[in-house]
Full PDB file with SEQRES, HELIX, SHEET, SSBOND, CRYST1, ORIGX, SCALE, CONECT and MASTER records, all heavy atoms in Angstrom:
SEQRES   1 A   32  ALA ASP VAL LEU LYS ASP SER SER GLY THR TYR TYR ILE          
SEQRES   2 A   32  ARG ILE THR GLY ILE GLY PHE ASN VAL PRO LYS GLY GLU          
SEQRES   3 A   32  THR LYS VAL LEU THR VAL                                      
SHEET    1 AA1 2 LEU A   4  LYS A   5  0                                        
SHEET    2 AA1 2 TYR A  11  TYR A  12 -1                                        
CRYST1    1.000    1.000    1.000  90.00  90.00  90.00 P 1           1          
ORIGX1      1.000000  0.000000  0.000000        0.00000                         
ORIGX2      0.000000  1.000000  0.000000        0.00000                         
ORIGX3      0.000000  0.000000  1.000000        0.00000                         
SCALE1      1.000000  0.000000  0.000000        0.00000                         
SCALE2      0.000000  1.000000  0.000000        0.00000                         
SCALE3      0.000000  0.000000  1.000000        0.00000                         
ATOM      1  N   ALA A   1     -64.123   0.532 -48.571  1.00  0.00           N  
ATOM      2  CA  ALA A   1     -64.972  -0.003 -47.554  1.00  0.00           C  
ATOM      3  C   ALA A   1     -64.301  -1.124 -46.711  1.00  0.00           C  
ATOM      4  O   ALA A   1     -64.714  -1.451 -45.576  1.00  0.00           O  
ATOM      5  CB  ALA A   1     -66.217  -0.576 -48.219  1.00  0.00           C  
ATOM      6  N   ASP A   2     -63.276  -1.717 -47.243  1.00  0.00           N  
ATOM      7  CA  ASP A   2     -62.529  -2.836 -46.504  1.00  0.00           C  
ATOM      8  C   ASP A   2     -61.570  -2.361 -45.517  1.00  0.00           C  
ATOM      9  O   ASP A   2     -61.185  -3.115 -44.688  1.00  0.00           O  
ATOM     10  CB  ASP A   2     -61.782  -3.680 -47.504  1.00  0.00           C  
ATOM     11  CG  ASP A   2     -62.787  -4.412 -48.520  1.00  0.00           C  
ATOM     12  OD1 ASP A   2     -63.625  -5.075 -48.079  1.00  0.00           O  
ATOM     13  OD2 ASP A   2     -62.503  -4.257 -49.759  1.00  0.00           O  
ATOM     14  N   VAL A   3     -61.192  -0.998 -45.594  1.00  0.00           N  
ATOM     15  CA  VAL A   3     -60.162  -0.578 -44.683  1.00  0.00           C  
ATOM     16  C   VAL A   3     -60.788   0.159 -43.507  1.00  0.00           C  
ATOM     17  O   VAL A   3     -61.534   1.153 -43.632  1.00  0.00           O  
ATOM     18  CB  VAL A   3     -59.236   0.440 -45.513  1.00  0.00           C  
ATOM     19  CG1 VAL A   3     -58.080   0.939 -44.495  1.00  0.00           C  
ATOM     20  CG2 VAL A   3     -58.573  -0.105 -46.681  1.00  0.00           C  
ATOM     21  N   LEU A   4     -60.614  -0.460 -42.318  1.00  0.00           N  
ATOM     22  CA  LEU A   4     -61.210   0.140 -41.147  1.00  0.00           C  
ATOM     23  C   LEU A   4     -60.195   0.821 -40.294  1.00  0.00           C  
ATOM     24  O   LEU A   4     -59.050   0.615 -40.432  1.00  0.00           O  
ATOM     25  CB  LEU A   4     -61.810  -1.106 -40.288  1.00  0.00           C  
ATOM     26  CG  LEU A   4     -62.697  -2.070 -41.074  1.00  0.00           C  
ATOM     27  CD1 LEU A   4     -63.094  -3.262 -40.217  1.00  0.00           C  
ATOM     28  CD2 LEU A   4     -63.917  -1.322 -41.582  1.00  0.00           C  
ATOM     29  N   LYS A   5     -60.685   1.708 -39.436  1.00  0.00           N  
ATOM     30  CA  LYS A   5     -59.789   2.557 -38.624  1.00  0.00           C  
ATOM     31  C   LYS A   5     -60.289   2.508 -37.101  1.00  0.00           C  
ATOM     32  O   LYS A   5     -61.501   2.803 -36.933  1.00  0.00           O  
ATOM     33  CB  LYS A   5     -59.772   3.843 -39.122  1.00  0.00           C  
ATOM     34  CG  LYS A   5     -58.793   4.866 -38.378  1.00  0.00           C  
ATOM     35  CD  LYS A   5     -58.778   6.261 -38.993  1.00  0.00           C  
ATOM     36  CE  LYS A   5     -57.884   7.182 -38.344  1.00  0.00           C  
ATOM     37  NZ  LYS A   5     -57.939   8.626 -38.965  1.00  0.00           N  
ATOM     38  N   ASP A   6     -59.441   2.203 -36.211  1.00  0.00           N  
ATOM     39  CA  ASP A   6     -59.831   2.136 -34.804  1.00  0.00           C  
ATOM     40  C   ASP A   6     -59.593   3.548 -34.191  1.00  0.00           C  
ATOM     41  O   ASP A   6     -59.109   4.545 -34.816  1.00  0.00           O  
ATOM     42  CB  ASP A   6     -59.104   1.038 -34.041  1.00  0.00           C  
ATOM     43  CG  ASP A   6     -57.656   1.271 -33.942  1.00  0.00           C  
ATOM     44  OD1 ASP A   6     -57.153   2.308 -34.251  1.00  0.00           O  
ATOM     45  OD2 ASP A   6     -56.952   0.231 -33.493  1.00  0.00           O  
ATOM     46  N   SER A   7     -59.918   3.602 -32.891  1.00  0.00           N  
ATOM     47  CA  SER A   7     -59.803   4.877 -32.164  1.00  0.00           C  
ATOM     48  C   SER A   7     -58.392   5.476 -32.037  1.00  0.00           C  
ATOM     49  O   SER A   7     -58.174   6.611 -31.835  1.00  0.00           O  
ATOM     50  CB  SER A   7     -60.435   4.830 -30.827  1.00  0.00           C  
ATOM     51  OG  SER A   7     -59.759   3.760 -30.030  1.00  0.00           O  
ATOM     52  N   SER A   8     -57.438   4.516 -32.201  1.00  0.00           N  
ATOM     53  CA  SER A   8     -55.996   4.980 -32.091  1.00  0.00           C  
ATOM     54  C   SER A   8     -55.461   5.428 -33.318  1.00  0.00           C  
ATOM     55  O   SER A   8     -54.318   5.881 -33.479  1.00  0.00           O  
ATOM     56  CB  SER A   8     -55.154   3.828 -31.511  1.00  0.00           C  
ATOM     57  OG  SER A   8     -55.076   2.837 -32.401  1.00  0.00           O  
ATOM     58  N   GLY A   9     -56.238   5.358 -34.439  1.00  0.00           N  
ATOM     59  CA  GLY A   9     -55.716   5.774 -35.820  1.00  0.00           C  
ATOM     60  C   GLY A   9     -55.049   4.643 -36.639  1.00  0.00           C  
ATOM     61  O   GLY A   9     -54.467   4.890 -37.570  1.00  0.00           O  
ATOM     62  N   THR A  10     -55.183   3.467 -36.086  1.00  0.00           N  
ATOM     63  CA  THR A  10     -54.588   2.200 -36.759  1.00  0.00           C  
ATOM     64  C   THR A  10     -55.574   1.709 -37.814  1.00  0.00           C  
ATOM     65  O   THR A  10     -56.748   1.520 -37.533  1.00  0.00           O  
ATOM     66  CB  THR A  10     -54.250   1.136 -35.806  1.00  0.00           C  
ATOM     67  OG1 THR A  10     -53.190   1.623 -34.860  1.00  0.00           O  
ATOM     68  CG2 THR A  10     -53.615  -0.087 -36.603  1.00  0.00           C  
ATOM     69  N   TYR A  11     -55.046   1.462 -38.998  1.00  0.00           N  
ATOM     70  CA  TYR A  11     -55.904   0.969 -40.126  1.00  0.00           C  
ATOM     71  C   TYR A  11     -55.754  -0.644 -40.070  1.00  0.00           C  
ATOM     72  O   TYR A  11     -54.576  -1.093 -39.907  1.00  0.00           O  
ATOM     73  CB  TYR A  11     -55.504   1.442 -41.482  1.00  0.00           C  
ATOM     74  CG  TYR A  11     -55.785   2.934 -41.587  1.00  0.00           C  
ATOM     75  CD1 TYR A  11     -54.795   3.902 -41.305  1.00  0.00           C  
ATOM     76  CD2 TYR A  11     -57.009   3.349 -42.131  1.00  0.00           C  
ATOM     77  CE1 TYR A  11     -55.054   5.204 -41.445  1.00  0.00           C  
ATOM     78  CE2 TYR A  11     -57.320   4.766 -42.150  1.00  0.00           C  
ATOM     79  CZ  TYR A  11     -56.291   5.638 -41.908  1.00  0.00           C  
ATOM     80  OH  TYR A  11     -56.553   7.009 -42.014  1.00  0.00           O  
ATOM     81  N   TYR A  12     -56.847  -1.256 -40.407  1.00  0.00           N  
ATOM     82  CA  TYR A  12     -56.723  -2.731 -40.408  1.00  0.00           C  
ATOM     83  C   TYR A  12     -57.732  -3.311 -41.427  1.00  0.00           C  
ATOM     84  O   TYR A  12     -58.781  -2.586 -41.703  1.00  0.00           O  
ATOM     85  CB  TYR A  12     -56.950  -3.381 -39.024  1.00  0.00           C  
ATOM     86  CG  TYR A  12     -58.313  -3.173 -38.362  1.00  0.00           C  
ATOM     87  CD1 TYR A  12     -59.325  -4.109 -38.560  1.00  0.00           C  
ATOM     88  CD2 TYR A  12     -58.581  -2.048 -37.653  1.00  0.00           C  
ATOM     89  CE1 TYR A  12     -60.573  -3.971 -37.963  1.00  0.00           C  
ATOM     90  CE2 TYR A  12     -59.780  -1.839 -37.126  1.00  0.00           C  
ATOM     91  CZ  TYR A  12     -60.830  -2.733 -37.251  1.00  0.00           C  
ATOM     92  OH  TYR A  12     -62.066  -2.619 -36.706  1.00  0.00           O  
ATOM     93  N   ILE A  13     -57.524  -4.602 -41.926  1.00  0.00           N  
ATOM     94  CA  ILE A  13     -58.252  -5.282 -42.888  1.00  0.00           C  
ATOM     95  C   ILE A  13     -58.571  -6.534 -42.326  1.00  0.00           C  
ATOM     96  O   ILE A  13     -57.771  -7.250 -41.818  1.00  0.00           O  
ATOM     97  CB  ILE A  13     -57.579  -5.355 -44.244  1.00  0.00           C  
ATOM     98  CG1 ILE A  13     -57.276  -3.904 -44.814  1.00  0.00           C  
ATOM     99  CG2 ILE A  13     -58.359  -6.122 -45.214  1.00  0.00           C  
ATOM    100  CD1 ILE A  13     -56.316  -3.934 -45.949  1.00  0.00           C  
ATOM    101  N   ARG A  14     -59.886  -7.007 -42.521  1.00  0.00           N  
ATOM    102  CA  ARG A  14     -60.297  -8.362 -42.023  1.00  0.00           C  
ATOM    103  C   ARG A  14     -60.239  -9.236 -43.213  1.00  0.00           C  
ATOM    104  O   ARG A  14     -60.982  -8.961 -44.342  1.00  0.00           O  
ATOM    105  CB  ARG A  14     -61.703  -8.284 -41.381  1.00  0.00           C  
ATOM    106  CG  ARG A  14     -62.108  -9.652 -40.878  1.00  0.00           C  
ATOM    107  CD  ARG A  14     -63.440  -9.595 -40.152  1.00  0.00           C  
ATOM    108  NE  ARG A  14     -63.304  -8.952 -38.803  1.00  0.00           N  
ATOM    109  CZ  ARG A  14     -63.729  -7.653 -38.562  1.00  0.00           C  
ATOM    110  NH1 ARG A  14     -64.417  -6.984 -39.465  1.00  0.00           N  
ATOM    111  NH2 ARG A  14     -63.680  -7.179 -37.334  1.00  0.00           N  
ATOM    112  N   ILE A  15     -59.569 -10.400 -43.132  1.00  0.00           N  
ATOM    113  CA  ILE A  15     -59.531 -11.426 -44.218  1.00  0.00           C  
ATOM    114  C   ILE A  15     -60.258 -12.618 -43.720  1.00  0.00           C  
ATOM    115  O   ILE A  15     -59.772 -13.193 -42.717  1.00  0.00           O  
ATOM    116  CB  ILE A  15     -58.034 -11.705 -44.606  1.00  0.00           C  
ATOM    117  CG1 ILE A  15     -57.418 -10.444 -45.195  1.00  0.00           C  
ATOM    118  CG2 ILE A  15     -58.052 -12.736 -45.726  1.00  0.00           C  
ATOM    119  CD1 ILE A  15     -55.973 -10.645 -45.521  1.00  0.00           C  
ATOM    120  N   THR A  16     -61.267 -13.157 -44.374  1.00  0.00           N  
ATOM    121  CA  THR A  16     -62.117 -14.163 -43.938  1.00  0.00           C  
ATOM    122  C   THR A  16     -62.050 -15.355 -45.090  1.00  0.00           C  
ATOM    123  O   THR A  16     -61.532 -15.121 -46.102  1.00  0.00           O  
ATOM    124  CB  THR A  16     -63.502 -13.801 -43.651  1.00  0.00           C  
ATOM    125  OG1 THR A  16     -64.082 -13.236 -44.852  1.00  0.00           O  
ATOM    126  CG2 THR A  16     -63.548 -12.697 -42.534  1.00  0.00           C  
ATOM    127  N   GLY A  17     -62.584 -16.469 -44.618  1.00  0.00           N  
ATOM    128  CA  GLY A  17     -62.768 -17.506 -45.630  1.00  0.00           C  
ATOM    129  C   GLY A  17     -61.517 -18.262 -46.052  1.00  0.00           C  
ATOM    130  O   GLY A  17     -61.378 -18.855 -47.172  1.00  0.00           O  
ATOM    131  N   ILE A  18     -60.563 -18.243 -45.226  1.00  0.00           N  
ATOM    132  CA  ILE A  18     -59.227 -18.827 -45.536  1.00  0.00           C  
ATOM    133  C   ILE A  18     -59.419 -20.371 -45.603  1.00  0.00           C  
ATOM    134  O   ILE A  18     -58.844 -21.009 -46.499  1.00  0.00           O  
ATOM    135  CB  ILE A  18     -58.146 -18.453 -44.531  1.00  0.00           C  
ATOM    136  CG1 ILE A  18     -57.863 -16.949 -44.559  1.00  0.00           C  
ATOM    137  CG2 ILE A  18     -56.857 -19.182 -44.763  1.00  0.00           C  
ATOM    138  CD1 ILE A  18     -56.906 -16.429 -43.501  1.00  0.00           C  
ATOM    139  N   GLY A  19     -60.150 -21.019 -44.682  1.00  0.00           N  
ATOM    140  CA  GLY A  19     -60.358 -22.405 -44.653  1.00  0.00           C  
ATOM    141  C   GLY A  19     -58.988 -23.243 -44.622  1.00  0.00           C  
ATOM    142  O   GLY A  19     -58.812 -24.171 -45.413  1.00  0.00           O  
ATOM    143  N   PHE A  20     -58.224 -22.852 -43.599  1.00  0.00           N  
ATOM    144  CA  PHE A  20     -56.865 -23.416 -43.531  1.00  0.00           C  
ATOM    145  C   PHE A  20     -56.788 -24.277 -42.363  1.00  0.00           C  
ATOM    146  O   PHE A  20     -57.098 -23.907 -41.234  1.00  0.00           O  
ATOM    147  CB  PHE A  20     -55.861 -22.315 -43.426  1.00  0.00           C  
ATOM    148  CG  PHE A  20     -54.491 -22.692 -43.259  1.00  0.00           C  
ATOM    149  CD1 PHE A  20     -53.838 -23.274 -44.374  1.00  0.00           C  
ATOM    150  CD2 PHE A  20     -53.718 -22.615 -42.111  1.00  0.00           C  
ATOM    151  CE1 PHE A  20     -52.381 -23.656 -44.240  1.00  0.00           C  
ATOM    152  CE2 PHE A  20     -52.487 -22.995 -41.939  1.00  0.00           C  
ATOM    153  CZ  PHE A  20     -51.802 -23.531 -43.055  1.00  0.00           C  
ATOM    154  N   ASN A  21     -56.551 -25.640 -42.621  1.00  0.00           N  
ATOM    155  CA  ASN A  21     -56.498 -26.658 -41.515  1.00  0.00           C  
ATOM    156  C   ASN A  21     -55.085 -26.833 -40.949  1.00  0.00           C  
ATOM    157  O   ASN A  21     -54.113 -26.932 -41.720  1.00  0.00           O  
ATOM    158  CB  ASN A  21     -56.994 -27.955 -41.973  1.00  0.00           C  
ATOM    159  CG  ASN A  21     -58.471 -27.811 -42.417  1.00  0.00           C  
ATOM    160  OD1 ASN A  21     -59.204 -27.194 -41.741  1.00  0.00           O  
ATOM    161  ND2 ASN A  21     -58.815 -28.574 -43.513  1.00  0.00           N  
ATOM    162  N   VAL A  22     -54.948 -26.928 -39.610  1.00  0.00           N  
ATOM    163  CA  VAL A  22     -53.719 -27.188 -38.949  1.00  0.00           C  
ATOM    164  C   VAL A  22     -53.914 -28.526 -38.170  1.00  0.00           C  
ATOM    165  O   VAL A  22     -54.495 -28.540 -37.182  1.00  0.00           O  
ATOM    166  CB  VAL A  22     -53.248 -26.141 -38.074  1.00  0.00           C  
ATOM    167  CG1 VAL A  22     -51.930 -26.419 -37.452  1.00  0.00           C  
ATOM    168  CG2 VAL A  22     -53.241 -24.865 -38.714  1.00  0.00           C  
ATOM    169  N   PRO A  23     -53.322 -29.676 -38.667  1.00  0.00           N  
ATOM    170  CA  PRO A  23     -53.458 -30.953 -37.964  1.00  0.00           C  
ATOM    171  C   PRO A  23     -52.852 -30.918 -36.643  1.00  0.00           C  
ATOM    172  O   PRO A  23     -51.909 -30.082 -36.319  1.00  0.00           O  
ATOM    173  CB  PRO A  23     -52.792 -31.909 -38.935  1.00  0.00           C  
ATOM    174  CG  PRO A  23     -52.720 -31.322 -40.268  1.00  0.00           C  
ATOM    175  CD  PRO A  23     -52.656 -29.810 -39.984  1.00  0.00           C  
ATOM    176  N   LYS A  24     -53.323 -31.762 -35.746  1.00  0.00           N  
ATOM    177  CA  LYS A  24     -52.811 -31.851 -34.401  1.00  0.00           C  
ATOM    178  C   LYS A  24     -51.322 -32.095 -34.358  1.00  0.00           C  
ATOM    179  O   LYS A  24     -50.863 -32.996 -35.123  1.00  0.00           O  
ATOM    180  CB  LYS A  24     -53.562 -32.939 -33.564  1.00  0.00           C  
ATOM    181  CG  LYS A  24     -53.054 -33.112 -32.176  1.00  0.00           C  
ATOM    182  CD  LYS A  24     -53.735 -34.314 -31.432  1.00  0.00           C  
ATOM    183  CE  LYS A  24     -53.167 -34.504 -30.045  1.00  0.00           C  
ATOM    184  NZ  LYS A  24     -53.763 -35.700 -29.430  1.00  0.00           N  
ATOM    185  N   GLY A  25     -50.611 -31.353 -33.554  1.00  0.00           N  
ATOM    186  CA  GLY A  25     -49.144 -31.594 -33.460  1.00  0.00           C  
ATOM    187  C   GLY A  25     -48.313 -30.999 -34.537  1.00  0.00           C  
ATOM    188  O   GLY A  25     -47.110 -31.103 -34.544  1.00  0.00           O  
ATOM    189  N   GLU A  26     -48.875 -30.355 -35.522  1.00  0.00           N  
ATOM    190  CA  GLU A  26     -48.163 -29.764 -36.644  1.00  0.00           C  
ATOM    191  C   GLU A  26     -48.187 -28.226 -36.567  1.00  0.00           C  
ATOM    192  O   GLU A  26     -48.993 -27.580 -35.885  1.00  0.00           O  
ATOM    193  CB  GLU A  26     -48.746 -30.199 -37.971  1.00  0.00           C  
ATOM    194  CG  GLU A  26     -48.616 -31.658 -38.251  1.00  0.00           C  
ATOM    195  CD  GLU A  26     -48.985 -32.024 -39.678  1.00  0.00           C  
ATOM    196  OE1 GLU A  26     -49.218 -31.136 -40.462  1.00  0.00           O  
ATOM    197  OE2 GLU A  26     -49.203 -33.221 -39.840  1.00  0.00           O  
ATOM    198  N   THR A  27     -47.116 -27.644 -37.312  1.00  0.00           N  
ATOM    199  CA  THR A  27     -46.967 -26.172 -37.355  1.00  0.00           C  
ATOM    200  C   THR A  27     -47.100 -25.859 -38.869  1.00  0.00           C  
ATOM    201  O   THR A  27     -46.531 -26.525 -39.692  1.00  0.00           O  
ATOM    202  CB  THR A  27     -45.652 -25.794 -36.888  1.00  0.00           C  
ATOM    203  OG1 THR A  27     -45.547 -26.074 -35.428  1.00  0.00           O  
ATOM    204  CG2 THR A  27     -45.515 -24.252 -37.002  1.00  0.00           C  
ATOM    205  N   LYS A  28     -47.999 -24.928 -39.105  1.00  0.00           N  
ATOM    206  CA  LYS A  28     -48.082 -24.442 -40.547  1.00  0.00           C  
ATOM    207  C   LYS A  28     -47.599 -22.996 -40.641  1.00  0.00           C  
ATOM    208  O   LYS A  28     -47.780 -22.119 -39.676  1.00  0.00           O  
ATOM    209  CB  LYS A  28     -49.500 -24.599 -40.968  1.00  0.00           C  
ATOM    210  CG  LYS A  28     -50.013 -25.939 -41.258  1.00  0.00           C  
ATOM    211  CD  LYS A  28     -49.476 -26.544 -42.584  1.00  0.00           C  
ATOM    212  CE  LYS A  28     -50.141 -27.805 -42.945  1.00  0.00           C  
ATOM    213  NZ  LYS A  28     -49.925 -28.344 -44.200  1.00  0.00           N  
ATOM    214  N   VAL A  29     -47.123 -22.646 -41.827  1.00  0.00           N  
ATOM    215  CA  VAL A  29     -46.656 -21.272 -42.061  1.00  0.00           C  
ATOM    216  C   VAL A  29     -47.522 -20.651 -43.158  1.00  0.00           C  
ATOM    217  O   VAL A  29     -47.654 -21.275 -44.316  1.00  0.00           O  
ATOM    218  CB  VAL A  29     -45.198 -21.227 -42.528  1.00  0.00           C  
ATOM    219  CG1 VAL A  29     -44.680 -19.865 -42.846  1.00  0.00           C  
ATOM    220  CG2 VAL A  29     -44.286 -21.874 -41.432  1.00  0.00           C  
ATOM    221  N   LEU A  30     -48.049 -19.505 -42.878  1.00  0.00           N  
ATOM    222  CA  LEU A  30     -48.841 -18.745 -43.846  1.00  0.00           C  
ATOM    223  C   LEU A  30     -47.976 -17.631 -44.320  1.00  0.00           C  
ATOM    224  O   LEU A  30     -47.198 -16.998 -43.587  1.00  0.00           O  
ATOM    225  CB  LEU A  30     -50.174 -18.246 -43.292  1.00  0.00           C  
ATOM    226  CG  LEU A  30     -51.260 -19.236 -42.889  1.00  0.00           C  
ATOM    227  CD1 LEU A  30     -52.444 -18.466 -42.418  1.00  0.00           C  
ATOM    228  CD2 LEU A  30     -51.512 -20.121 -44.083  1.00  0.00           C  
ATOM    229  N   THR A  31     -48.062 -17.287 -45.626  1.00  0.00           N  
ATOM    230  CA  THR A  31     -47.416 -16.201 -46.226  1.00  0.00           C  
ATOM    231  C   THR A  31     -48.377 -15.125 -46.694  1.00  0.00           C  
ATOM    232  O   THR A  31     -49.328 -15.500 -47.494  1.00  0.00           O  
ATOM    233  CB  THR A  31     -46.488 -16.605 -47.316  1.00  0.00           C  
ATOM    234  OG1 THR A  31     -45.527 -17.484 -46.846  1.00  0.00           O  
ATOM    235  CG2 THR A  31     -45.692 -15.337 -47.902  1.00  0.00           C  
ATOM    236  N   VAL A  32     -48.227 -13.866 -46.295  1.00  0.00           N  
ATOM    237  CA  VAL A  32     -49.181 -12.886 -46.707  1.00  0.00           C  
ATOM    238  C   VAL A  32     -48.364 -11.964 -47.690  1.00  0.00           C  
ATOM    239  O   VAL A  32     -47.339 -11.399 -47.443  1.00  0.00           O  
ATOM    240  CB  VAL A  32     -49.683 -11.969 -45.571  1.00  0.00           C  
ATOM    241  CG1 VAL A  32     -50.614 -10.895 -46.076  1.00  0.00           C  
ATOM    242  CG2 VAL A  32     -50.362 -12.861 -44.557  1.00  0.00           C  
TER     243      VAL A  32                                                      
MASTER        0    0    0    0    2    0    0    6  242    1    0    3          
END                                                                             
């Protein structure tokens, strides 16, 4: 149910609730 498919045949997953803050002027790196 989590795997969605668009009209071009691409599969994607929506990840929510990360709650990740990026302070002003800073760069953050996320790793998946």
